[in-house]
Amino acid sequence: MQNKYFPIVVRLFVAFSLLLCFVLVRFYENILFYDPFLDYFKSDFNNLPLPEFDTVKLILNLLFRYSLNTGISLGLIYVIFKDRMMIRFSVFLYSIAFVLLLITMFLVIHIYGSENNLLLFYVRRFLIQPIFVLLFIPGFYFQKRNS
């Protein structure tokens, strides 16, 4: 009887561990990543000019953080669905999303500057937070259920 439930317990443990990894990335964000916008958006950013930043360093750190969140998200998707095609499709979607969001972020910075802080805030949020996994898991669930 224990052998029947063992894989479920392992999957739940791994899923919980991956969720804990998301929490740890968020908890140690000030230590792990260069992002002058972290403190900027914690303050009254509507009345402040954009902070100065090193573009290359910011892009590399956004890529690092996005990659960490993507890896954890892909692990979670795999634990839930155990489907390699979903993982390949997710990698494709995550890659396209990163490029589009990064371009959009820098266009907003260079076109609007500090005039459109909320747009910058939300575009950056998609880059630094694991929001896509919240969209992909229900989407993949309904796709798998309907096929």
Foldseek 3Di string as FASTA:
>chain_A
DVVVCVLVVVLVVLLVVLVVLLVVCVVCVVPQADDPVVVCVVDPVLPDFDDDDDVVRNLVRLVVLLVSLLVSLLSNLCSVPVDVVLSVVSVVVSVVLSVVLVVVLVCCCVVVGSNCVVVNVVSVCVSRHNVVSVVSVVVVVVVVVVD
